[in-house]
């Protein structure tokens, strides 16, 4: 039976890398808000960003149901920073009888800072299509992010640099 894998973690914690690795193991389709934003060249929309991401997520939730109906696994590479959002998404899939799993990417502060610096360096060199993590974005993430409890998560992945 097909299922939805929900990837939770901080910005620059390795969620996209983990999603790609998992995709190979379980033959899944990855749905990513960031991918949509960049593919449609909407990364610089300023204060409309959060509203846009909310609309993209709703659309991708709907698409995930179609993919599941077709018998394929889905990975949602969204971050799911707040407990409220995780609870709402769990309820969304439960109400529809869709099997889902929560995966959390746990990263040490040292590795996290290294990932942020590496990403920012690649973005500045034009070698990466990612968001530059400035102080404002970092403060926003830190103010919103709520680390999940062990009870919320099915797979607790400890980030390790390869």
C-alpha atoms as a PDB file:
ATOM      1  CA  UNK A   1       0.000   0.000   0.000  1.00  0.00           C
ATOM      2  CA  UNK A   2       1.323   3.445  -0.930  1.00  0.00           C
ATOM      3  CA  UNK A   3       2.018   5.978   1.810  1.00  0.00           C
ATOM      4  CA  UNK A   4       3.051   9.572   2.429  1.00  0.00           C
ATOM      5  CA  UNK A   5       6.386  10.318   4.066  1.00  0.00           C
ATOM      6  CA  UNK A   6       6.432  13.704   5.820  1.00  0.00           C
ATOM      7  CA  UNK A   7       9.925  15.163   6.244  1.00  0.00           C
ATOM      8  CA  UNK A   8      10.379  17.427   9.256  1.00  0.00           C
ATOM      9  CA  UNK A   9      13.488  19.451  10.017  1.00  0.00           C
ATOM     10  CA  UNK A  10      15.141  22.840  10.146  1.00  0.00           C
ATOM     11  CA  UNK A  11      16.192  24.753   7.077  1.00  0.00           C
ATOM     12  CA  UNK A  12      19.557  23.366   5.848  1.00  0.00           C
ATOM     13  CA  UNK A  13      19.221  20.213   7.947  1.00  0.00           C
ATOM     14  CA  UNK A  14      19.546  17.860   4.971  1.00  0.00           C
ATOM     15  CA  UNK A  15      15.833  17.259   4.263  1.00  0.00           C
ATOM     16  CA  UNK A  16      16.180  17.384   0.485  1.00  0.00           C
ATOM     17  CA  UNK A  17      19.239  15.125   0.521  1.00  0.00           C
ATOM     18  CA  UNK A  18      17.424  12.673   2.792  1.00  0.00           C
ATOM     19  CA  UNK A  19      14.320  12.819   0.568  1.00  0.00           C
ATOM     20  CA  UNK A  20      16.362  11.953  -2.533  1.00  0.00           C
ATOM     21  CA  UNK A  21      18.051   9.087  -0.693  1.00  0.00           C
ATOM     22  CA  UNK A  22      14.687   7.788   0.537  1.00  0.00           C
ATOM     23  CA  UNK A  23      13.128   8.160  -2.918  1.00  0.00           C
ATOM     24  CA  UNK A  24      15.543   5.551  -4.250  1.00  0.00           C
ATOM     25  CA  UNK A  25      14.715   3.117  -1.446  1.00  0.00           C
ATOM     26  CA  UNK A  26      10.918   3.290  -1.594  1.00  0.00           C
ATOM     27  CA  UNK A  27      10.268   4.409  -5.193  1.00  0.00           C
ATOM     28  CA  UNK A  28       8.473   7.647  -4.387  1.00  0.00           C
ATOM     29  CA  UNK A  29       7.568  11.014  -5.858  1.00  0.00           C
ATOM     30  CA  UNK A  30       9.052  14.002  -3.987  1.00  0.00           C
ATOM     31  CA  UNK A  31       6.859  17.082  -3.652  1.00  0.00           C
ATOM     32  CA  UNK A  32       8.685  20.243  -2.550  1.00  0.00           C
ATOM     33  CA  UNK A  33       7.419  23.803  -2.067  1.00  0.00           C
ATOM     34  CA  UNK A  34      10.902  25.185  -2.694  1.00  0.00           C
ATOM     35  CA  UNK A  35      11.086  23.384  -6.021  1.00  0.00           C
ATOM     36  CA  UNK A  36       7.809  24.973  -7.143  1.00  0.00           C
ATOM     37  CA  UNK A  37       8.916  28.441  -6.006  1.00  0.00           C
ATOM     38  CA  UNK A  38      12.226  28.192  -7.867  1.00  0.00           C
ATOM     39  CA  UNK A  39      10.834  26.520 -10.991  1.00  0.00           C
ATOM     40  CA  UNK A  40       8.300  29.335 -11.348  1.00  0.00           C
ATOM     41  CA  UNK A  41      10.965  31.983 -10.535  1.00  0.00           C
ATOM     42  CA  UNK A  42       9.013  33.320  -7.551  1.00  0.00           C
ATOM     43  CA  UNK A  43      11.806  33.272  -4.968  1.00  0.00           C
ATOM     44  CA  UNK A  44      11.984  37.069  -4.654  1.00  0.00           C
ATOM     45  CA  UNK A  45       8.351  37.922  -3.904  1.00  0.00           C
ATOM     46  CA  UNK A  46       9.066  39.451  -0.510  1.00  0.00           C
ATOM     47  CA  UNK A  47       6.274  39.601   2.035  1.00  0.00           C
ATOM     48  CA  UNK A  48       3.955  37.497  -0.159  1.00  0.00           C
ATOM     49  CA  UNK A  49       6.226  34.464   0.230  1.00  0.00           C
ATOM     50  CA  UNK A  50       4.435  32.895   3.211  1.00  0.00           C
ATOM     51  CA  UNK A  51       0.995  33.220   1.574  1.00  0.00           C
ATOM     52  CA  UNK A  52       2.339  31.698  -1.625  1.00  0.00           C
ATOM     53  CA  UNK A  53       3.910  28.768   0.224  1.00  0.00           C
ATOM     54  CA  UNK A  54       0.608  28.139   2.033  1.00  0.00           C
ATOM     55  CA  UNK A  55      -1.201  27.931  -1.330  1.00  0.00           C
ATOM     56  CA  UNK A  56       1.496  25.688  -2.796  1.00  0.00           C
ATOM     57  CA  UNK A  57       1.250  23.328   0.172  1.00  0.00           C
ATOM     58  CA  UNK A  58      -2.530  23.014  -0.215  1.00  0.00           C
ATOM     59  CA  UNK A  59      -2.071  22.229  -3.885  1.00  0.00           C
ATOM     60  CA  UNK A  60       0.651  19.655  -3.188  1.00  0.00           C
ATOM     61  CA  UNK A  61      -1.452  17.975  -0.484  1.00  0.00           C
ATOM     62  CA  UNK A  62      -4.184  17.559  -3.097  1.00  0.00           C
ATOM     63  CA  UNK A  63      -1.665  16.215  -5.622  1.00  0.00           C
ATOM     64  CA  UNK A  64      -0.288  13.798  -3.035  1.00  0.00           C
ATOM     65  CA  UNK A  65      -3.741  12.210  -2.793  1.00  0.00           C
ATOM     66  CA  UNK A  66      -3.810  11.654  -6.565  1.00  0.00           C
ATOM     67  CA  UNK A  67      -0.351  10.096  -6.491  1.00  0.00           C
ATOM     68  CA  UNK A  68      -1.338   7.806  -3.609  1.00  0.00           C
ATOM     69  CA  UNK A  69      -4.531   6.823  -5.470  1.00  0.00           C
ATOM     70  CA  UNK A  70      -2.336   5.825  -8.406  1.00  0.00           C
ATOM     71  CA  UNK A  71      -0.431   3.497  -6.062  1.00  0.00           C
ATOM     72  CA  UNK A  72       2.776   5.483  -5.629  1.00  0.00           C
ATOM     73  CA  UNK A  73       4.544   6.635  -2.481  1.00  0.00           C
ATOM     74  CA  UNK A  74       4.907  10.368  -1.854  1.00  0.00           C
ATOM     75  CA  UNK A  75       7.571  12.280   0.060  1.00  0.00           C
ATOM     76  CA  UNK A  76       6.611  15.768   1.241  1.00  0.00           C
ATOM     77  CA  UNK A  77       9.834  17.742   1.692  1.00  0.00           C
ATOM     78  CA  UNK A  78       8.293  20.737   3.484  1.00  0.00           C
ATOM     79  CA  UNK A  79       9.996  21.096   6.895  1.00  0.00           C
ATOM     80  CA  UNK A  80       6.833  21.129   9.026  1.00  0.00           C
ATOM     81  CA  UNK A  81       8.345  23.530  11.550  1.00  0.00           C
ATOM     82  CA  UNK A  82       5.448  23.778  14.011  1.00  0.00           C
ATOM     83  CA  UNK A  83       3.627  21.161  16.051  1.00  0.00           C
ATOM     84  CA  UNK A  84       0.334  22.751  14.985  1.00  0.00           C
ATOM     85  CA  UNK A  85       1.145  22.182  11.317  1.00  0.00           C
ATOM     86  CA  UNK A  86       2.282  18.603  11.981  1.00  0.00           C
ATOM     87  CA  UNK A  87      -0.965  17.898  13.843  1.00  0.00           C
ATOM     88  CA  UNK A  88      -3.067  19.431  11.033  1.00  0.00           C
ATOM     89  CA  UNK A  89      -1.261  17.421   8.355  1.00  0.00           C
ATOM     90  CA  UNK A  90      -1.565  14.192  10.355  1.00  0.00           C
ATOM     91  CA  UNK A  91      -5.291  14.844  10.720  1.00  0.00           C
ATOM     92  CA  UNK A  92      -5.579  15.604   6.967  1.00  0.00           C
ATOM     93  CA  UNK A  93      -4.213  12.185   6.006  1.00  0.00           C
ATOM     94  CA  UNK A  94      -5.937  10.291   8.829  1.00  0.00           C
ATOM     95  CA  UNK A  95      -9.335  11.664   7.801  1.00  0.00           C
ATOM     96  CA  UNK A  96      -8.725  10.381   4.269  1.00  0.00           C
ATOM     97  CA  UNK A  97      -7.493   6.959   5.379  1.00  0.00           C
ATOM     98  CA  UNK A  98      -4.019   7.563   3.947  1.00  0.00           C
ATOM     99  CA  UNK A  99      -1.058   5.783   5.517  1.00  0.00           C
ATOM    100  CA  UNK A 100       1.699   8.247   6.511  1.00  0.00           C
ATOM    101  CA  UNK A 101       4.983   8.377   8.404  1.00  0.00           C
ATOM    102  CA  UNK A 102       6.825  11.252  10.033  1.00  0.00           C
ATOM    103  CA  UNK A 103      10.596  11.403   9.485  1.00  0.00           C
ATOM    104  CA  UNK A 104      12.669  13.938  11.422  1.00  0.00           C
ATOM    105  CA  UNK A 105      16.146  15.087  10.406  1.00  0.00           C
ATOM    106  CA  UNK A 106      18.084  15.704  13.618  1.00  0.00           C
ATOM    107  CA  UNK A 107      21.249  17.745  13.071  1.00  0.00           C
ATOM    108  CA  UNK A 108      23.816  19.030  15.551  1.00  0.00           C
ATOM    109  CA  UNK A 109      24.231  22.804  15.818  1.00  0.00           C
ATOM    110  CA  UNK A 110      27.785  22.511  14.482  1.00  0.00           C
ATOM    111  CA  UNK A 111      26.718  20.561  11.375  1.00  0.00           C
ATOM    112  CA  UNK A 112      23.711  22.824  10.886  1.00  0.00           C
ATOM    113  CA  UNK A 113      25.855  25.978  10.870  1.00  0.00           C
ATOM    114  CA  UNK A 114      28.291  24.304   8.482  1.00  0.00           C
ATOM    115  CA  UNK A 115      25.410  23.391   6.133  1.00  0.00           C
ATOM    116  CA  UNK A 116      24.100  26.968   6.226  1.00  0.00           C
ATOM    117  CA  UNK A 117      27.537  28.399   5.415  1.00  0.00           C
ATOM    118  CA  UNK A 118      28.082  25.897   2.600  1.00  0.00           C
ATOM    119  CA  UNK A 119      24.647  26.593   1.104  1.00  0.00           C
ATOM    120  CA  UNK A 120      25.130  30.365   1.297  1.00  0.00           C
ATOM    121  CA  UNK A 121      28.538  30.037  -0.358  1.00  0.00           C
ATOM    122  CA  UNK A 122      27.070  27.992  -3.240  1.00  0.00           C
ATOM    123  CA  UNK A 123      24.157  30.418  -3.647  1.00  0.00           C
ATOM    124  CA  UNK A 124      26.548  33.401  -3.782  1.00  0.00           C
ATOM    125  CA  UNK A 125      28.639  31.644  -6.443  1.00  0.00           C
ATOM    126  CA  UNK A 126      25.507  30.915  -8.487  1.00  0.00           C
ATOM    127  CA  UNK A 127      25.999  27.168  -8.069  1.00  0.00           C
ATOM    128  CA  UNK A 128      22.810  26.440  -6.131  1.00  0.00           C
ATOM    129  CA  UNK A 129      19.130  27.257  -6.570  1.00  0.00           C
ATOM    130  CA  UNK A 130      18.331  27.613  -2.911  1.00  0.00           C
ATOM    131  CA  UNK A 131      17.356  30.397  -0.587  1.00  0.00           C
ATOM    132  CA  UNK A 132      20.217  32.364   0.909  1.00  0.00           C
ATOM    133  CA  UNK A 133      19.875  31.974   4.675  1.00  0.00           C
ATOM    134  CA  UNK A 134      20.315  35.490   6.021  1.00  0.00           C
ATOM    135  CA  UNK A 135      19.857  36.592   9.631  1.00  0.00           C
ATOM    136  CA  UNK A 136      16.192  37.439   9.044  1.00  0.00           C
ATOM    137  CA  UNK A 137      15.334  33.997   7.663  1.00  0.00           C
ATOM    138  CA  UNK A 138      17.363  32.305  10.375  1.00  0.00           C
ATOM    139  CA  UNK A 139      15.598  34.273  13.139  1.00  0.00           C
ATOM    140  CA  UNK A 140      12.203  33.520  11.587  1.00  0.00           C
ATOM    141  CA  UNK A 141      12.962  29.789  11.453  1.00  0.00           C
ATOM    142  CA  UNK A 142      14.296  29.759  15.003  1.00  0.00           C
ATOM    143  CA  UNK A 143      11.197  31.586  16.289  1.00  0.00           C
ATOM    144  CA  UNK A 144       8.802  29.190  14.553  1.00  0.00           C
ATOM    145  CA  UNK A 145      10.597  25.835  14.698  1.00  0.00           C
ATOM    146  CA  UNK A 146       9.407  23.424  17.361  1.00  0.00           C
ATOM    147  CA  UNK A 147      11.442  20.261  17.601  1.00  0.00           C
ATOM    148  CA  UNK A 148       9.090  17.294  17.524  1.00  0.00           C
ATOM    149  CA  UNK A 149       8.774  14.872  20.387  1.00  0.00           C
ATOM    150  CA  UNK A 150       9.857  11.254  19.946  1.00  0.00           C
ATOM    151  CA  UNK A 151       6.168  10.274  20.134  1.00  0.00           C
ATOM    152  CA  UNK A 152       5.332  12.358  17.028  1.00  0.00           C
ATOM    153  CA  UNK A 153       8.015  10.812  14.829  1.00  0.00           C
ATOM    154  CA  UNK A 154       8.165   7.388  13.197  1.00  0.00           C
ATOM    155  CA  UNK A 155      11.759   7.656  11.924  1.00  0.00           C
ATOM    156  CA  UNK A 156      14.303   9.799  13.780  1.00  0.00           C
ATOM    157  CA  UNK A 157      17.215  10.279  11.377  1.00  0.00           C
ATOM    158  CA  UNK A 158      20.496  11.605  12.784  1.00  0.00           C
ATOM    159  CA  UNK A 159      22.222  13.721  10.142  1.00  0.00           C
ATOM    160  CA  UNK A 160      25.755  12.545   9.371  1.00  0.00           C
ATOM    161  CA  UNK A 161      28.025  14.215   6.862  1.00  0.00           C
ATOM    162  CA  UNK A 162      29.209  11.735   4.249  1.00  0.00           C
END
